[in-house]
């Protein structure tokens, strides 16, 4: 049973306009209530963002984004993460290679600088 709509409806456009209006209202309110404490303004933003996310999640693009997020989380659980020892060893190899590359480039730069100073 495929109950996914294929094209955004006019109601989706209205919902996105409401989200944008709430965002602009939040920005204006943030400046208007600037004398209030930062904690109060952050609380207001938290509520506003939760409302905007809830509205946006009911649109076609919002549902696709949620599906993508859940699928990504599912795939992330399948990843075989390296052990701490593997991570440290790989990091040390990268640091050593970068240091060797830096020394080689410094030597090359010094040789070229010496060669140019002989010519000029």
C-alpha atoms as a PDB file:
ATOM      1  CA  UNK A   1       0.000   0.000   0.000  1.00  0.00           C
ATOM      2  CA  UNK A   2       1.635   3.214  -1.193  1.00  0.00           C
ATOM      3  CA  UNK A   3       0.153   6.221   0.588  1.00  0.00           C
ATOM      4  CA  UNK A   4       2.959   8.661  -0.251  1.00  0.00           C
ATOM      5  CA  UNK A   5       1.807  11.758  -2.140  1.00  0.00           C
ATOM      6  CA  UNK A   6       3.858  12.521  -5.221  1.00  0.00           C
ATOM      7  CA  UNK A   7       3.427  16.302  -5.441  1.00  0.00           C
ATOM      8  CA  UNK A   8       3.233  18.949  -2.747  1.00  0.00           C
ATOM      9  CA  UNK A   9      -0.278  20.145  -2.094  1.00  0.00           C
ATOM     10  CA  UNK A  10      -1.429  23.711  -1.597  1.00  0.00           C
ATOM     11  CA  UNK A  11      -1.739  22.905   2.098  1.00  0.00           C
ATOM     12  CA  UNK A  12       1.991  22.108   2.154  1.00  0.00           C
ATOM     13  CA  UNK A  13       2.727  25.564   0.771  1.00  0.00           C
ATOM     14  CA  UNK A  14       0.528  27.122   3.454  1.00  0.00           C
ATOM     15  CA  UNK A  15       2.348  25.140   6.144  1.00  0.00           C
ATOM     16  CA  UNK A  16       5.740  26.287   4.862  1.00  0.00           C
ATOM     17  CA  UNK A  17       4.510  29.887   4.825  1.00  0.00           C
ATOM     18  CA  UNK A  18       3.410  29.474   8.453  1.00  0.00           C
ATOM     19  CA  UNK A  19       6.865  28.111   9.326  1.00  0.00           C
ATOM     20  CA  UNK A  20       8.553  31.086   7.638  1.00  0.00           C
ATOM     21  CA  UNK A  21       6.190  33.536   9.355  1.00  0.00           C
ATOM     22  CA  UNK A  22       6.941  31.908  12.724  1.00  0.00           C
ATOM     23  CA  UNK A  23      10.661  32.139  12.028  1.00  0.00           C
ATOM     24  CA  UNK A  24      10.445  35.840  11.173  1.00  0.00           C
ATOM     25  CA  UNK A  25       8.219  36.430  14.212  1.00  0.00           C
ATOM     26  CA  UNK A  26      10.784  34.632  16.372  1.00  0.00           C
ATOM     27  CA  UNK A  27      13.597  36.834  15.078  1.00  0.00           C
ATOM     28  CA  UNK A  28      11.550  39.978  15.700  1.00  0.00           C
ATOM     29  CA  UNK A  29      10.558  38.746  19.167  1.00  0.00           C
ATOM     30  CA  UNK A  30      14.175  37.969  19.980  1.00  0.00           C
ATOM     31  CA  UNK A  31      15.136  41.590  19.324  1.00  0.00           C
ATOM     32  CA  UNK A  32      12.021  42.961  21.016  1.00  0.00           C
ATOM     33  CA  UNK A  33      12.619  40.920  24.170  1.00  0.00           C
ATOM     34  CA  UNK A  34      16.382  41.578  24.220  1.00  0.00           C
ATOM     35  CA  UNK A  35      16.191  43.020  27.766  1.00  0.00           C
ATOM     36  CA  UNK A  36      14.959  39.641  29.040  1.00  0.00           C
ATOM     37  CA  UNK A  37      17.444  37.036  30.184  1.00  0.00           C
ATOM     38  CA  UNK A  38      19.162  34.836  27.656  1.00  0.00           C
ATOM     39  CA  UNK A  39      17.593  31.760  29.263  1.00  0.00           C
ATOM     40  CA  UNK A  40      14.071  33.110  28.688  1.00  0.00           C
ATOM     41  CA  UNK A  41      14.806  33.900  25.059  1.00  0.00           C
ATOM     42  CA  UNK A  42      16.406  30.485  24.510  1.00  0.00           C
ATOM     43  CA  UNK A  43      13.340  28.860  26.051  1.00  0.00           C
ATOM     44  CA  UNK A  44      11.145  30.804  23.642  1.00  0.00           C
ATOM     45  CA  UNK A  45      13.312  29.744  20.705  1.00  0.00           C
ATOM     46  CA  UNK A  46      13.175  26.129  21.836  1.00  0.00           C
ATOM     47  CA  UNK A  47       9.372  26.196  21.885  1.00  0.00           C
ATOM     48  CA  UNK A  48       9.198  28.057  18.559  1.00  0.00           C
ATOM     49  CA  UNK A  49      11.590  25.656  16.827  1.00  0.00           C
ATOM     50  CA  UNK A  50       9.666  22.663  18.175  1.00  0.00           C
ATOM     51  CA  UNK A  51       6.415  24.114  16.785  1.00  0.00           C
ATOM     52  CA  UNK A  52       8.038  24.932  13.426  1.00  0.00           C
ATOM     53  CA  UNK A  53       9.541  21.433  13.199  1.00  0.00           C
ATOM     54  CA  UNK A  54       6.191  19.832  14.029  1.00  0.00           C
ATOM     55  CA  UNK A  55       4.468  21.843  11.318  1.00  0.00           C
ATOM     56  CA  UNK A  56       7.221  21.209   8.771  1.00  0.00           C
ATOM     57  CA  UNK A  57       7.188  17.467   9.553  1.00  0.00           C
ATOM     58  CA  UNK A  58       3.619  17.218   8.296  1.00  0.00           C
ATOM     59  CA  UNK A  59       4.559  18.387   4.789  1.00  0.00           C
ATOM     60  CA  UNK A  60       5.778  16.158   1.956  1.00  0.00           C
ATOM     61  CA  UNK A  61       9.365  17.432   2.184  1.00  0.00           C
ATOM     62  CA  UNK A  62       9.241  17.157   5.964  1.00  0.00           C
ATOM     63  CA  UNK A  63       8.125  13.528   5.772  1.00  0.00           C
ATOM     64  CA  UNK A  64      10.916  12.804   3.291  1.00  0.00           C
ATOM     65  CA  UNK A  65      13.437  14.462   5.623  1.00  0.00           C
ATOM     66  CA  UNK A  66      12.205  12.411   8.584  1.00  0.00           C
ATOM     67  CA  UNK A  67      12.354   9.218   6.543  1.00  0.00           C
ATOM     68  CA  UNK A  68      15.901  10.100   5.489  1.00  0.00           C
ATOM     69  CA  UNK A  69      16.897  10.790   9.115  1.00  0.00           C
ATOM     70  CA  UNK A  70      15.463   7.493  10.344  1.00  0.00           C
ATOM     71  CA  UNK A  71      17.075   5.576   7.475  1.00  0.00           C
ATOM     72  CA  UNK A  72      20.410   7.272   8.182  1.00  0.00           C
ATOM     73  CA  UNK A  73      20.165   6.345  11.842  1.00  0.00           C
ATOM     74  CA  UNK A  74      19.382   2.756  10.864  1.00  0.00           C
ATOM     75  CA  UNK A  75      22.408   2.625   8.542  1.00  0.00           C
ATOM     76  CA  UNK A  76      24.599   4.232  11.190  1.00  0.00           C
ATOM     77  CA  UNK A  77      23.851   1.346  13.516  1.00  0.00           C
ATOM     78  CA  UNK A  78      25.222  -1.062  10.881  1.00  0.00           C
ATOM     79  CA  UNK A  79      28.633   0.654  10.819  1.00  0.00           C
ATOM     80  CA  UNK A  80      31.511  -1.257  12.335  1.00  0.00           C
ATOM     81  CA  UNK A  81      33.390   1.419  14.247  1.00  0.00           C
ATOM     82  CA  UNK A  82      37.153   1.078  14.754  1.00  0.00           C
ATOM     83  CA  UNK A  83      38.500   0.236  18.170  1.00  0.00           C
ATOM     84  CA  UNK A  84      40.343   2.810  20.246  1.00  0.00           C
ATOM     85  CA  UNK A  85      43.669   1.134  19.415  1.00  0.00           C
ATOM     86  CA  UNK A  86      42.957   1.239  15.652  1.00  0.00           C
ATOM     87  CA  UNK A  87      41.973   4.898  15.896  1.00  0.00           C
ATOM     88  CA  UNK A  88      45.125   5.844  17.811  1.00  0.00           C
ATOM     89  CA  UNK A  89      47.365   3.898  15.411  1.00  0.00           C
ATOM     90  CA  UNK A  90      45.751   5.474  12.352  1.00  0.00           C
ATOM     91  CA  UNK A  91      46.020   8.933  13.885  1.00  0.00           C
ATOM     92  CA  UNK A  92      49.698   8.433  14.653  1.00  0.00           C
ATOM     93  CA  UNK A  93      50.358   7.249  11.095  1.00  0.00           C
ATOM     94  CA  UNK A  94      48.649  10.362   9.722  1.00  0.00           C
ATOM     95  CA  UNK A  95      50.622  12.649  12.059  1.00  0.00           C
ATOM     96  CA  UNK A  96      53.930  11.018  11.069  1.00  0.00           C
ATOM     97  CA  UNK A  97      53.155  11.237   7.337  1.00  0.00           C
ATOM     98  CA  UNK A  98      52.142  14.899   7.682  1.00  0.00           C
ATOM     99  CA  UNK A  99      55.342  15.662   9.616  1.00  0.00           C
ATOM    100  CA  UNK A 100      57.480  13.911   6.986  1.00  0.00           C
ATOM    101  CA  UNK A 101      55.663  15.774   4.195  1.00  0.00           C
ATOM    102  CA  UNK A 102      56.195  19.066   6.024  1.00  0.00           C
ATOM    103  CA  UNK A 103      59.945  18.423   6.363  1.00  0.00           C
ATOM    104  CA  UNK A 104      60.229  17.455   2.691  1.00  0.00           C
ATOM    105  CA  UNK A 105      58.367  20.591   1.599  1.00  0.00           C
ATOM    106  CA  UNK A 106      60.488  22.743   3.930  1.00  0.00           C
ATOM    107  CA  UNK A 107      63.671  21.245   2.474  1.00  0.00           C
ATOM    108  CA  UNK A 108      62.411  21.740  -1.089  1.00  0.00           C
ATOM    109  CA  UNK A 109      61.487  25.336  -0.284  1.00  0.00           C
ATOM    110  CA  UNK A 110      64.898  25.969   1.274  1.00  0.00           C
ATOM    111  CA  UNK A 111      66.706  24.502  -1.743  1.00  0.00           C
ATOM    112  CA  UNK A 112      64.633  26.554  -4.181  1.00  0.00           C
ATOM    113  CA  UNK A 113      65.171  29.702  -2.104  1.00  0.00           C
ATOM    114  CA  UNK A 114      68.934  29.032  -2.090  1.00  0.00           C
ATOM    115  CA  UNK A 115      68.896  28.416  -5.869  1.00  0.00           C
ATOM    116  CA  UNK A 116      66.989  31.629  -6.550  1.00  0.00           C
ATOM    117  CA  UNK A 117      69.334  33.603  -4.304  1.00  0.00           C
ATOM    118  CA  UNK A 118      72.285  32.315  -6.389  1.00  0.00           C
ATOM    119  CA  UNK A 119      70.647  33.413  -9.625  1.00  0.00           C
ATOM    120  CA  UNK A 120      69.710  36.892  -8.432  1.00  0.00           C
END
